[in-house]
Amino acid sequence: MYDLVITGGTVIDGTGSCRRRSDVGITAGRVVEIGRISAESGRRRIDAAGCIVAPGFVDVHTHYDPQLMFDPFARSSCFHGVTSVVVGNCGFGIAPARPSDRDAILQIFARVEEISLAALRAIDWDFETFPELLEARDSSLGVNASYYLGHSTLRRYAMGEACHERSATADEILSMRRILREAMDAGAAGLSSSHSPTDCDALDRPVPSRLSTYQELEALAVELGNANRGSLAYLPFSAVGGLSPDDGDLLIRLATLSRRPVIIQGLGARSKVDAPTATWPESKRFLDSARTRGAAIYSMLMARPFVRTFTLAAGTTLYEGVPAMHRLFTECKSIEQRRARLEDSAFRDAIRHGIDHPNDDPDEGSTLPPPRFDQLTIDRVESPENQRWVGLSLREIAEASGRHPIDAMLEIALADDLGTRFLWRTDDEEWREGTGAASRHPQMIVGTSDGGAHLNRDDGADFSSYFLRYWVREWGVWELEEAVRALTHIPASLLGFVDRGLLTPGHAADVVVFDPDLVGPGEKQFQQEMLGGARWVSSAKGVRATVVNGVPIQIDGEMTDDCGRPGRVLRPGVPAPMVG
């Protein structure tokens, strides 16, 4: 008897090979047979008629570190076929952490990743060191997880409060190298870091990794390379506005010093208007050059557009790079205060100037560019006189009414007592064309869900469902076999997950069963958070089952009652022990 059989489906094994009608037999958490298997030979059965049976999806970029402490299944990702998540990205992690460090770490997560403090306060600190974190998680996960050692967290542990004030001394760098070595020996995914000027803590200070010198980062890259496993996830200083030649040279040095894969963000389809050096031809030239020089540099590709709503009454963090606009939300807590500020002509002038000249000086705060007016539309209004603007972009409204777009935005909002709902969508033809071209490059990784983060704005956990519906089924840019490979075998191989990413005998039985004619993102709902507050939650369509190490954890969008905690910590180069 098999523990689980999946019958009547069509297997796509993750190699890119042609699909084939086959049943799958699973025992002790591993695939043991693929072929003709009777339904009666399994203690448990999943009927996959009309469905694709594929390896579970690997999400390379998430911030589920805190959430996994109280939600071991990484919801919403598990509903979209994700069986393995990588956490500790962007230099932010929850270990190592002394008790005196914990509040500072949580404030970084709260500010940069917009994770609610209620959720962060739920962390049970049953660990201090990084090895202790992995040991504690080994038997408490619902999905598989791999943990980067975050550079900001590492600097805090090695330097204390000074990590926010200065570069590290030679002795402090040696201490960081020792901690990194211990983390890699314990099974860390690698090192993550950031020099992005968009990353500030709750006190508006640069996060600790931003104060590191390139010499410090290079020393850590060498130490990572000594482990001969893992990867370096890094957000360069110029990633947001377009990769600079100096940052390109730095990335190549990091890759050659470590001889490990370097995974960045920011390359791909970008606007020629707001980021003229970040277009796909520029990005492709850099990636091709790095490859010819033997530097294994990859970039995460956000193959799903931003689709976010907000009101000025509730506030938004999308204008952190426009100081005057951002102060509207940080300094004015009531509707009355915000109305009064917006009706002040001097303040309105400051906002208008800030929108036209967003901050580009990291010493002055975040350099996050504001949403473009041609991508920002009126989604819902309450005042009858403004109903005519629903569905139009602020650029179109400004042209029709002879106003600056920000004046049009603010006046419409004031008429609704700031309750007007605005919609930011980036999925225009330019985005689709550029993203489609970028997605086919061998050094671009489909992903960047940011799972567990920014849930007050959106839930990006539907990246895999979106990719399968639009890029495969509707737009035909990808064949299904290659799309599955991009979501499974490629990231698993890159990260060193030796028994994941393929549906083949001997490999771990991480499986997703989905209907190729129905799969796609479902509804987004703003729901009560598990621990209070509210968050966006993304449902899925057409995903029949998600199986982790041979155990079904969700069937047709409902969590199973008897799944236990089948997830495991994934360590590069080491097969994870199976359930039981």
Protein backbone atom coordinates (compact mmCIF):
# COMPACT_ATOMS: atom_id res chain seq x y z
CA MET A 1 0.00 0.00 0.00
CA TYR A 2 1.10 3.55 -0.80
CA ASP A 3 0.48 6.29 1.74
CA LEU A 4 -1.01 8.44 -1.02
CA VAL A 5 -1.87 7.90 -4.65
CA ILE A 6 -2.73 10.65 -7.10
CA THR A 7 -4.67 9.09 -9.96
CA GLY A 8 -6.09 10.07 -13.33
CA GLY A 9 -3.93 13.13 -13.85
CA THR A 10 -1.30 14.32 -16.31
CA VAL A 11 2.20 14.57 -14.91
CA ILE A 12 4.51 17.48 -15.74
CA ASP A 13 7.68 16.53 -13.92
CA GLY A 14 9.55 19.87 -13.80
CA THR A 15 12.33 18.95 -16.24
CA GLY A 16 10.62 20.65 -19.17
CA SER A 17 9.82 17.28 -20.71
CA CYS A 18 6.50 16.59 -22.40
CA ARG A 19 3.53 15.93 -20.12
CA ARG A 20 2.25 12.37 -19.83
CA ARG A 21 -0.81 10.64 -18.41
CA SER A 22 0.34 8.93 -15.22
CA ASP A 23 -0.59 8.13 -11.67
CA VAL A 24 1.74 8.90 -8.78
CA GLY A 25 2.47 6.67 -5.77
CA ILE A 26 3.89 8.21 -2.59
CA THR A 27 5.26 6.48 0.51
CA ALA A 28 7.07 7.92 3.54
CA GLY A 29 7.09 11.41 2.08
CA ARG A 30 8.77 10.49 -1.21
CA VAL A 31 7.63 9.70 -4.73
CA VAL A 32 8.19 5.98 -5.25
CA GLU A 33 6.41 5.27 -8.52
CA ILE A 34 4.95 7.05 -11.53
CA GLY A 35 2.90 5.13 -14.06
CA ARG A 36 -0.19 2.95 -13.84
CA ILE A 37 -1.32 2.70 -10.22
CA SER A 38 -4.72 1.57 -8.95
CA ALA A 39 -6.70 3.89 -6.73
CA GLU A 40 -7.25 1.05 -4.24
CA SER A 41 -3.51 0.73 -3.60
CA GLY A 42 -3.35 3.95 -1.60
CA ARG A 43 -4.37 4.58 1.98
CA ARG A 44 -5.38 7.99 0.74
CA ARG A 45 -6.27 9.10 -2.77
CA ILE A 46 -6.50 12.35 -4.71
CA ASP A 47 -8.52 12.20 -7.92
CA ALA A 48 -6.61 14.33 -10.44
CA ALA A 49 -8.85 13.74 -13.46
CA GLY A 50 -8.53 16.66 -15.88
CA CYS A 51 -5.66 18.11 -13.86
CA ILE A 52 -1.93 18.61 -14.09
CA VAL A 53 0.16 16.92 -11.40
CA ALA A 54 3.40 18.85 -10.93
CA PRO A 55 6.14 19.44 -8.36
CA GLY A 56 5.19 21.95 -5.68
CA PHE A 57 6.11 25.53 -6.50
CA VAL A 58 9.15 27.17 -4.90
CA ASP A 59 8.77 30.81 -3.84
CA VAL A 60 12.25 32.34 -3.74
CA HIS A 61 11.40 35.72 -2.20
CA THR A 62 9.12 35.95 0.83
CA HIS A 63 9.02 37.52 4.29
CA TYR A 64 7.11 34.77 6.04
CA ASP A 65 9.69 34.58 8.87
CA PRO A 66 7.32 36.07 11.50
CA GLN A 67 4.11 34.56 10.09
CA LEU A 68 5.45 31.00 10.11
CA MET A 69 5.68 31.28 13.89
CA PHE A 70 1.87 31.37 14.23
CA ASP A 71 0.77 30.20 10.76
CA PRO A 72 3.08 27.35 9.73
CA PHE A 73 1.31 26.91 6.38
CA ALA A 74 2.24 30.32 4.92
CA ARG A 75 -1.27 31.28 3.93
CA SER A 76 -2.12 32.46 1.24
CA SER A 77 0.81 30.86 -0.63
CA CYS A 78 -0.18 27.26 0.09
CA PHE A 79 -3.50 27.77 -1.71
CA HIS A 80 -1.59 28.65 -4.87
CA GLY A 81 0.47 25.46 -4.99
CA VAL A 82 3.54 26.74 -3.14
CA THR A 83 5.15 24.02 -1.03
CA SER A 84 8.52 25.70 -0.26
CA VAL A 85 9.21 29.30 0.72
CA VAL A 86 12.49 31.15 1.17
CA VAL A 87 12.50 33.66 4.02
CA GLY A 88 14.99 36.10 5.53
CA ASN A 89 15.20 38.18 2.35
CA CYS A 90 16.37 41.79 1.99
CA GLY A 91 18.74 41.46 4.95
CA PHE A 92 15.88 41.07 7.47
CA GLY A 93 15.59 38.00 9.67
CA ILE A 94 14.54 37.01 13.16
CA ALA A 95 17.84 35.38 14.17
CA PRO A 96 20.34 35.77 15.62
CA ALA A 97 18.65 38.00 18.16
CA ARG A 98 19.37 38.74 21.79
CA PRO A 99 16.34 39.76 23.86
CA SER A 100 17.59 43.35 23.73
CA ASP A 101 17.64 43.23 19.90
CA ARG A 102 14.13 41.97 19.33
CA ASP A 103 12.19 45.22 19.36
CA ALA A 104 14.57 46.86 16.86
CA ILE A 105 14.24 43.83 14.56
CA LEU A 106 10.44 43.92 14.75
CA GLN A 107 10.37 47.63 13.98
CA ILE A 108 12.31 47.01 10.76
CA PHE A 109 9.79 44.36 9.69
CA ALA A 110 6.93 46.68 10.62
CA ARG A 111 8.29 49.62 8.62
CA VAL A 112 9.93 48.08 5.54
CA GLU A 113 7.72 45.02 5.08
CA GLU A 114 4.57 46.56 6.60
CA ILE A 115 3.88 43.54 8.78
CA SER A 116 1.46 44.32 11.59
CA LEU A 117 2.97 44.65 15.03
CA ALA A 118 0.22 42.37 16.36
CA ALA A 119 1.57 39.60 14.15
CA LEU A 120 5.16 40.41 15.01
CA ARG A 121 4.44 40.35 18.73
CA ALA A 122 3.21 36.76 18.31
CA ILE A 123 6.73 35.50 17.71
CA ASP A 124 7.68 32.93 20.32
CA TRP A 125 11.38 33.58 20.78
CA ASP A 126 12.36 29.99 21.51
CA PHE A 127 15.76 30.67 19.99
CA GLU A 128 18.56 33.21 20.01
CA THR A 129 21.20 32.01 17.57
CA PHE A 130 20.61 31.12 13.94
CA PRO A 131 21.28 27.39 14.44
CA GLU A 132 18.75 27.42 17.29
CA LEU A 133 16.16 29.00 14.98
CA LEU A 134 16.53 26.23 12.40
CA GLU A 135 16.46 23.51 15.03
CA ALA A 136 13.26 24.93 16.53
CA ARG A 137 11.55 25.14 13.14
CA ASP A 138 12.46 21.64 11.96
CA SER A 139 9.33 20.06 13.43
CA SER A 140 6.92 23.00 13.45
CA LEU A 141 6.41 23.92 9.79
CA GLY A 142 3.39 23.24 7.60
CA VAL A 143 5.24 24.09 4.39
CA ASN A 144 8.95 23.77 3.74
CA ALA A 145 11.06 26.84 4.47
CA SER A 146 14.65 27.84 3.85
CA TYR A 147 16.15 30.68 5.89
CA TYR A 148 18.63 33.31 4.76
CA LEU A 149 20.82 34.95 7.38
CA GLY A 150 19.89 38.63 7.11
CA HIS A 151 22.77 41.11 7.01
CA SER A 152 20.90 43.77 9.03
CA THR A 153 20.10 41.23 11.73
CA LEU A 154 23.68 39.96 11.65
CA ARG A 155 25.10 43.48 12.08
CA ARG A 156 22.75 44.10 15.03
CA TYR A 157 23.98 40.96 16.76
CA ALA A 158 27.66 41.72 16.12
CA MET A 159 27.62 45.50 16.69
CA GLY A 160 24.64 46.34 18.90
CA GLU A 161 23.14 49.82 18.48
CA ALA A 162 26.26 50.92 16.60
CA CYS A 163 24.98 49.01 13.56
CA HIS A 164 22.72 52.01 12.91
CA GLU A 165 25.56 54.51 13.19
CA ARG A 166 28.71 53.42 11.38
CA SER A 167 30.64 50.90 9.35
CA ALA A 168 32.04 47.83 11.06
CA THR A 169 35.56 47.48 12.44
CA ALA A 170 37.87 44.68 11.33
CA ASP A 171 37.10 42.72 14.51
CA GLU A 172 33.34 43.16 14.01
CA ILE A 173 33.62 41.88 10.44
CA LEU A 174 35.50 38.84 11.73
CA SER A 175 32.70 38.29 14.25
CA MET A 176 30.11 38.51 11.46
CA ARG A 177 32.07 36.03 9.36
CA ARG A 178 32.11 33.60 12.29
CA ILE A 179 28.34 33.89 12.78
CA LEU A 180 27.77 33.45 9.04
CA ARG A 181 29.99 30.36 9.04
CA GLU A 182 27.98 28.88 11.92
CA ALA A 183 24.71 29.67 10.10
CA MET A 184 25.91 28.00 6.90
CA ASP A 185 27.06 24.94 8.85
CA ALA A 186 23.56 24.76 10.36
CA GLY A 187 21.92 24.94 6.93
CA ALA A 188 21.21 28.58 6.10
CA ALA A 189 20.03 29.34 2.56
CA GLY A 190 22.86 31.87 2.38
CA LEU A 191 23.21 35.56 3.13
CA SER A 192 20.77 38.33 2.24
CA SER A 193 21.57 42.04 2.24
CA SER A 194 20.40 45.41 0.97
CA HIS A 195 21.84 48.81 0.17
CA SER A 196 18.52 50.04 -1.23
CA PRO A 197 17.76 53.66 -0.25
CA THR A 198 14.09 52.70 0.15
CA ASP A 199 14.85 50.65 3.27
CA CYS A 200 14.51 52.59 6.55
CA ASP A 201 13.52 51.52 10.04
CA ALA A 202 10.71 52.88 12.21
CA LEU A 203 12.91 55.81 13.29
CA ASP A 204 13.60 56.76 9.65
CA ARG A 205 17.16 55.51 9.95
CA PRO A 206 18.76 53.45 7.19
CA VAL A 207 18.48 49.75 8.00
CA PRO A 208 21.81 48.42 9.34
CA SER A 209 22.98 46.73 6.14
CA ARG A 210 22.90 50.10 4.36
CA LEU A 211 25.71 51.32 6.61
CA SER A 212 27.98 48.45 5.61
CA THR A 213 30.91 49.15 3.31
CA TYR A 214 31.35 47.19 0.14
CA GLN A 215 34.50 45.73 1.71
CA GLU A 216 32.36 44.31 4.52
CA LEU A 217 29.89 42.82 2.06
CA GLU A 218 32.71 41.35 -0.02
CA ALA A 219 34.28 39.78 3.09
CA LEU A 220 30.96 38.11 3.87
CA ALA A 221 30.70 36.95 0.25
CA VAL A 222 34.08 35.24 0.61
CA GLU A 223 32.90 33.54 3.81
CA LEU A 224 29.72 32.41 2.08
CA GLY A 225 31.84 30.96 -0.72
CA ASN A 226 33.88 28.97 1.79
CA ALA A 227 30.73 26.99 2.61
CA ASN A 228 30.44 25.83 -1.02
CA ARG A 229 26.67 26.02 -0.84
CA GLY A 230 23.91 28.60 -0.59
CA SER A 231 23.38 31.87 -2.41
CA LEU A 232 23.66 35.63 -1.88
CA ALA A 233 20.39 37.57 -2.13
CA TYR A 234 21.14 41.27 -2.49
CA LEU A 235 19.33 44.50 -3.31
CA PRO A 236 21.87 46.97 -4.78
CA PHE A 237 21.74 50.69 -4.11
CA SER A 238 20.64 51.47 -7.67
CA ALA A 239 18.16 48.61 -8.14
CA VAL A 240 15.08 50.83 -7.88
CA GLY A 241 16.11 53.46 -10.40
CA GLY A 242 18.18 51.34 -12.76
CA LEU A 243 21.38 49.40 -12.15
CA SER A 244 24.44 51.66 -12.27
CA PRO A 245 27.78 50.56 -13.82
CA ASP A 246 29.41 50.65 -10.38
CA ASP A 247 26.75 48.40 -8.90
CA GLY A 248 27.07 46.09 -11.88
CA ASP A 249 30.80 45.79 -11.21
CA LEU A 250 30.08 45.14 -7.52
CA LEU A 251 27.67 42.32 -8.36
CA ILE A 252 30.23 40.66 -10.59
CA ARG A 253 32.83 40.91 -7.80
CA LEU A 254 30.40 39.37 -5.31
CA ALA A 255 29.63 36.50 -7.66
CA THR A 256 33.27 35.77 -8.49
CA LEU A 257 34.46 36.14 -4.89
CA SER A 258 31.80 33.82 -3.52
CA ARG A 259 31.50 31.55 -6.56
CA ARG A 260 27.86 31.26 -5.53
CA PRO A 261 24.67 32.44 -7.27
CA VAL A 262 23.86 36.10 -6.60
CA ILE A 263 20.12 36.87 -6.70
CA ILE A 264 19.08 40.49 -7.05
CA GLN A 265 15.88 42.41 -7.72
CA GLY A 266 14.98 45.29 -10.00
CA LEU A 267 15.86 44.06 -13.48
CA GLY A 268 13.17 43.41 -16.04
CA ALA A 269 10.36 45.49 -17.49
CA ARG A 270 10.48 49.08 -16.33
CA SER A 271 9.22 52.40 -17.58
CA LYS A 272 11.43 54.59 -19.73
CA VAL A 273 9.76 57.55 -18.03
CA ASP A 274 10.51 56.84 -14.38
CA ALA A 275 13.60 54.66 -14.83
CA PRO A 276 15.34 55.27 -18.17
CA THR A 277 18.34 53.09 -17.29
CA ALA A 278 16.20 50.18 -16.11
CA THR A 279 14.69 49.12 -19.43
CA TRP A 280 14.95 45.50 -20.47
CA PRO A 281 17.65 46.04 -23.17
CA GLU A 282 19.88 47.66 -20.52
CA SER A 283 19.21 44.82 -18.08
CA LYS A 284 19.83 42.15 -20.71
CA ARG A 285 23.19 43.63 -21.65
CA PHE A 286 24.32 43.44 -18.05
CA LEU A 287 23.11 39.88 -17.48
CA ASP A 288 24.69 38.65 -20.72
CA SER A 289 27.97 40.35 -19.83
CA ALA A 290 27.98 38.80 -16.36
CA ARG A 291 27.38 35.36 -17.82
CA THR A 292 30.29 35.61 -20.25
CA ARG A 293 32.52 36.52 -17.29
CA GLY A 294 31.44 33.50 -15.27
CA ALA A 295 29.42 35.49 -12.73
CA ALA A 296 26.19 33.67 -11.84
CA ILE A 297 23.91 36.67 -11.39
CA TYR A 298 20.15 36.24 -11.44
CA SER A 299 17.31 38.71 -10.98
CA MET A 300 13.89 38.10 -9.54
CA LEU A 301 11.19 38.89 -12.07
CA MET A 302 7.93 40.36 -10.86
CA ALA A 303 5.73 38.72 -13.50
CA ARG A 304 2.58 39.91 -11.75
CA PRO A 305 1.66 43.61 -11.85
CA PHE A 306 0.89 45.82 -8.89
CA VAL A 307 -2.87 46.03 -8.36
CA ARG A 308 -3.39 48.03 -5.19
CA THR A 309 -6.19 50.19 -3.82
CA PHE A 310 -5.97 52.89 -1.18
CA THR A 311 -7.79 55.89 0.27
CA LEU A 312 -6.39 59.04 1.79
CA ALA A 313 -8.61 58.39 4.80
CA ALA A 314 -6.89 55.10 5.58
CA GLY A 315 -3.51 56.30 4.33
CA THR A 316 -0.87 54.62 2.20
CA THR A 317 2.89 54.06 2.17
CA LEU A 318 3.15 54.50 -1.60
CA TYR A 319 4.29 58.12 -1.17
CA GLU A 320 7.24 57.63 1.17
CA GLY A 321 9.46 59.17 -1.52
CA VAL A 322 7.35 62.35 -1.49
CA PRO A 323 8.06 63.74 2.00
CA ALA A 324 5.20 66.26 2.10
CA MET A 325 2.62 63.69 1.00
CA HIS A 326 4.02 61.11 3.40
CA ARG A 327 3.74 63.60 6.29
CA LEU A 328 0.03 63.83 5.58
CA PHE A 329 -0.29 60.26 6.88
CA THR A 330 2.39 60.22 9.57
CA GLU A 331 1.57 63.57 11.21
CA CYS A 332 -2.19 63.86 10.68
CA LYS A 333 -4.06 61.01 12.34
CA SER A 334 -7.66 62.19 11.90
CA ILE A 335 -9.71 63.00 8.81
CA GLU A 336 -10.20 66.54 10.10
CA GLN A 337 -6.45 67.09 10.44
CA ARG A 338 -5.79 65.76 6.94
CA ARG A 339 -8.56 67.90 5.44
CA ALA A 340 -7.15 71.00 7.07
CA ARG A 341 -3.64 70.22 5.82
CA LEU A 342 -4.84 69.59 2.25
CA GLU A 343 -6.82 72.82 2.20
CA ASP A 344 -3.68 74.77 3.12
CA SER A 345 -2.34 76.26 -0.13
CA ALA A 346 1.30 76.19 1.02
CA PHE A 347 1.06 72.52 1.91
CA ARG A 348 -0.67 71.80 -1.41
CA ASP A 349 2.21 73.55 -3.19
CA ALA A 350 4.69 71.38 -1.27
CA ILE A 351 2.90 68.21 -2.30
CA ARG A 352 2.75 69.32 -5.93
CA HIS A 353 6.45 70.11 -5.92
CA GLY A 354 7.25 66.81 -4.21
CA ILE A 355 5.29 64.81 -6.75
CA ASP A 356 7.10 66.53 -9.62
CA HIS A 357 10.48 66.19 -7.85
CA PRO A 358 10.40 63.05 -5.65
CA ASN A 359 13.23 62.50 -3.23
CA ASP A 360 16.37 61.02 -4.76
CA ASP A 361 18.67 61.63 -1.79
CA PRO A 362 18.83 58.61 0.55
CA ASP A 363 20.13 60.86 3.34
CA GLU A 364 16.76 62.63 3.27
CA GLY A 365 14.68 59.46 3.54
CA SER A 366 13.07 56.90 1.27
CA THR A 367 13.59 57.22 -2.49
CA LEU A 368 10.51 55.15 -3.33
CA PRO A 369 9.06 56.64 -6.54
CA PRO A 370 5.35 57.55 -6.34
CA PRO A 371 2.79 55.81 -8.59
CA ARG A 372 2.60 57.21 -12.10
CA PHE A 373 -0.55 59.18 -12.82
CA ASP A 374 -1.31 57.26 -16.00
CA GLN A 375 -1.46 54.07 -13.88
CA LEU A 376 -3.53 55.56 -11.05
CA THR A 377 -7.30 55.50 -11.60
CA ILE A 378 -10.45 56.40 -9.69
CA ASP A 379 -11.91 53.11 -8.51
CA ARG A 380 -14.83 54.34 -6.38
CA VAL A 381 -16.30 57.69 -5.38
CA GLU A 382 -19.16 58.76 -3.14
CA SER A 383 -19.95 62.27 -4.39
CA PRO A 384 -22.35 62.35 -7.37
CA GLU A 385 -20.44 65.13 -9.15
CA ASN A 386 -17.34 62.95 -9.41
CA GLN A 387 -18.99 59.76 -10.69
CA ARG A 388 -17.94 60.74 -14.22
CA TRP A 389 -14.29 60.18 -13.29
CA VAL A 390 -14.63 56.54 -12.20
CA GLY A 391 -12.41 54.31 -14.33
CA LEU A 392 -10.30 57.19 -15.67
CA SER A 393 -6.66 57.75 -14.85
CA LEU A 394 -5.57 60.87 -13.01
CA ARG A 395 -3.60 61.83 -16.11
CA GLU A 396 -6.80 61.71 -18.17
CA ILE A 397 -8.78 63.62 -15.52
CA ALA A 398 -6.08 66.30 -15.31
CA GLU A 399 -6.09 66.77 -19.08
CA ALA A 400 -9.89 66.95 -19.20
CA SER A 401 -10.19 69.40 -16.32
CA GLY A 402 -7.07 71.50 -16.84
CA ARG A 403 -5.57 70.73 -13.44
CA HIS A 404 -2.35 69.24 -12.17
CA PRO A 405 -2.99 65.52 -11.58
CA ILE A 406 -2.30 65.81 -7.85
CA ASP A 407 -4.81 68.66 -7.54
CA ALA A 408 -7.40 66.54 -9.35
CA MET A 409 -6.65 63.65 -7.02
CA LEU A 410 -6.88 65.69 -3.82
CA GLU A 411 -10.00 67.65 -4.79
CA ILE A 412 -11.89 64.49 -5.72
CA ALA A 413 -10.81 62.94 -2.41
CA LEU A 414 -11.84 66.02 -0.42
CA ALA A 415 -15.31 65.86 -1.94
CA ASP A 416 -15.60 62.34 -0.47
CA ASP A 417 -14.20 63.29 2.93
CA LEU A 418 -11.03 61.47 1.78
CA GLY A 419 -12.96 58.22 1.18
CA THR A 420 -12.32 58.07 -2.59
CA ARG A 421 -10.76 54.71 -3.49
CA PHE A 422 -7.82 54.95 -5.86
CA LEU A 423 -6.50 51.99 -7.85
CA TRP A 424 -2.87 51.60 -8.87
CA ARG A 425 -2.37 49.14 -11.74
CA THR A 426 0.92 48.65 -13.59
CA ASP A 427 -0.24 46.10 -16.17
CA ASP A 428 -0.16 48.27 -19.27
CA GLU A 429 1.06 47.17 -22.71
CA GLU A 430 4.57 48.46 -22.06
CA TRP A 431 4.76 46.37 -18.89
CA ARG A 432 3.44 43.26 -20.61
CA GLU A 433 5.80 43.55 -23.56
CA GLY A 434 8.87 44.15 -21.41
CA THR A 435 8.01 41.53 -18.80
CA GLY A 436 7.28 38.93 -21.46
CA ALA A 437 10.69 39.48 -23.05
CA ALA A 438 12.47 39.49 -19.69
CA SER A 439 10.72 36.36 -18.46
CA ARG A 440 12.32 34.24 -21.20
CA HIS A 441 15.89 35.13 -20.22
CA PRO A 442 17.70 32.25 -18.43
CA GLN A 443 18.92 34.53 -15.64
CA MET A 444 15.47 35.81 -14.67
CA ILE A 445 13.63 33.96 -11.89
CA VAL A 446 9.84 34.06 -11.81
CA GLY A 447 8.71 35.13 -8.38
CA THR A 448 8.97 38.02 -5.90
CA SER A 449 5.68 37.34 -4.19
CA ASP A 450 6.86 39.16 -1.04
CA GLY A 451 4.63 36.63 0.71
CA GLY A 452 3.76 37.64 4.27
CA ALA A 453 4.62 41.31 3.67
CA HIS A 454 2.71 44.43 2.60
CA LEU A 455 -0.61 42.74 3.39
CA ASN A 456 -2.19 46.11 4.14
CA ARG A 457 -1.79 46.88 0.41
CA ASP A 458 -1.99 43.54 -1.40
CA ASP A 459 -1.29 39.83 -1.15
CA GLY A 460 1.29 38.81 -3.75
CA ALA A 461 1.01 35.10 -2.91
CA ASP A 462 -0.96 34.58 -6.14
CA PHE A 463 2.13 35.07 -8.35
CA SER A 464 2.15 31.41 -9.47
CA SER A 465 -1.56 31.29 -10.26
CA TYR A 466 -1.26 34.59 -12.14
CA PHE A 467 1.68 33.28 -14.14
CA LEU A 468 -0.15 30.11 -15.17
CA ARG A 469 -3.33 31.90 -16.13
CA TYR A 470 -1.99 34.87 -18.03
CA TRP A 471 1.54 34.14 -19.27
CA VAL A 472 0.65 30.53 -20.15
CA ARG A 473 -3.05 30.10 -20.86
CA GLU A 474 -4.23 33.53 -22.04
CA TRP A 475 -1.16 35.19 -23.55
CA GLY A 476 0.69 32.08 -24.74
CA VAL A 477 4.13 33.48 -23.94
CA TRP A 478 5.10 30.25 -22.14
CA GLU A 479 4.41 26.58 -22.81
CA LEU A 480 3.01 24.88 -19.72
CA GLU A 481 5.91 22.46 -19.35
CA GLU A 482 8.45 25.28 -19.34
CA ALA A 483 6.32 27.36 -16.98
CA VAL A 484 6.21 24.50 -14.46
CA ARG A 485 9.99 24.13 -14.78
CA ALA A 486 10.41 27.86 -14.09
CA LEU A 487 8.32 27.57 -10.92
CA THR A 488 9.92 24.36 -9.63
CA HIS A 489 13.16 22.83 -10.88
CA ILE A 490 14.97 26.06 -11.76
CA PRO A 491 14.58 27.77 -8.36
CA ALA A 492 15.13 24.51 -6.47
CA SER A 493 18.37 23.84 -8.35
CA LEU A 494 19.57 27.42 -7.97
CA LEU A 495 19.01 27.33 -4.22
CA GLY A 496 20.55 23.89 -3.80
CA PHE A 497 17.40 22.00 -2.77
CA VAL A 498 18.69 18.66 -3.96
CA ASP A 499 15.49 16.61 -3.59
CA ARG A 500 12.92 19.26 -4.57
CA GLY A 501 11.61 20.74 -7.80
CA LEU A 502 11.12 17.48 -9.71
CA LEU A 503 8.34 14.92 -9.67
CA THR A 504 10.38 11.77 -10.00
CA PRO A 505 10.98 8.63 -7.91
CA GLY A 506 13.27 9.31 -4.96
CA HIS A 507 12.44 12.99 -4.70
CA ALA A 508 10.41 14.51 -1.90
CA ALA A 509 6.69 14.35 -2.58
CA ASP A 510 5.97 18.07 -2.79
CA VAL A 511 3.11 18.18 -5.29
CA VAL A 512 0.54 20.57 -6.69
CA VAL A 513 -2.56 19.39 -8.56
CA PHE A 514 -4.23 22.05 -10.72
CA ASP A 515 -6.72 22.36 -13.56
CA PRO A 516 -4.88 24.09 -16.45
CA ASP A 517 -8.14 25.47 -17.83
CA LEU A 518 -9.17 27.08 -14.56
CA VAL A 519 -6.02 27.90 -12.62
CA GLY A 520 -5.61 31.56 -11.79
CA PRO A 521 -5.85 34.12 -9.02
CA GLY A 522 -9.18 34.25 -7.26
CA GLU A 523 -10.77 37.04 -5.25
CA LYS A 524 -8.83 39.39 -3.03
CA GLN A 525 -10.53 40.07 0.26
CA PHE A 526 -9.63 42.36 3.13
CA GLN A 527 -10.09 40.05 6.08
CA GLN A 528 -9.47 40.01 9.78
CA GLU A 529 -5.89 39.12 10.61
CA MET A 530 -5.38 35.92 12.57
CA LEU A 531 -4.07 37.99 15.48
CA GLY A 532 -6.15 41.13 15.09
CA GLY A 533 -6.24 43.94 12.55
CA ALA A 534 -6.93 43.21 8.90
CA ARG A 535 -5.01 42.09 5.82
CA TRP A 536 -5.51 41.27 2.17
CA VAL A 537 -5.98 37.56 1.47
CA SER A 538 -5.61 36.03 -1.98
CA SER A 539 -7.65 32.99 -2.97
CA ALA A 540 -6.91 30.70 -5.91
CA LYS A 541 -8.93 29.12 -8.69
CA GLY A 542 -8.32 25.70 -10.13
CA VAL A 543 -5.77 24.50 -7.56
CA ARG A 544 -7.19 21.16 -6.44
CA ALA A 545 -4.53 20.13 -3.93
CA THR A 546 -1.22 21.08 -2.36
CA VAL A 547 0.88 18.23 -0.95
CA VAL A 548 3.93 18.76 1.28
CA ASN A 549 6.25 15.78 1.86
CA GLY A 550 3.47 13.40 0.88
CA VAL A 551 0.81 15.01 3.09
CA PRO A 552 -2.11 16.96 1.57
CA ILE A 553 -2.34 20.28 3.39
CA GLN A 554 -5.12 21.86 1.33
CA ILE A 555 -7.83 20.43 -0.92
CA ASP A 556 -9.91 22.76 -3.12
CA GLY A 557 -9.01 25.81 -1.09
CA GLU A 558 -9.74 24.31 2.33
CA MET A 559 -7.07 23.32 4.83
CA THR A 560 -7.13 19.62 5.69
CA ASP A 561 -7.89 18.67 9.29
CA ASP A 562 -5.32 15.93 9.79
CA CYS A 563 -2.19 17.20 8.05
CA GLY A 564 -0.14 17.91 11.15
CA ARG A 565 3.13 19.76 10.46
CA PRO A 566 4.66 18.05 7.40
CA GLY A 567 6.98 20.90 6.39
CA ARG A 568 10.72 20.81 6.89
CA VAL A 569 13.61 23.26 6.97
CA LEU A 570 15.35 23.06 3.60
CA ARG A 571 19.13 23.20 3.77
CA PRO A 572 21.16 23.69 0.57
CA GLY A 573 22.85 20.49 -0.55
CA VAL A 574 21.19 18.32 2.10
CA PRO A 575 18.03 16.20 1.61
CA ALA A 576 15.50 16.99 4.32
CA PRO A 577 14.39 14.14 6.60
CA MET A 578 10.90 12.93 5.83
CA VAL A 579 7.84 13.01 8.03
CA GLY A 580 7.98 10.42 10.80
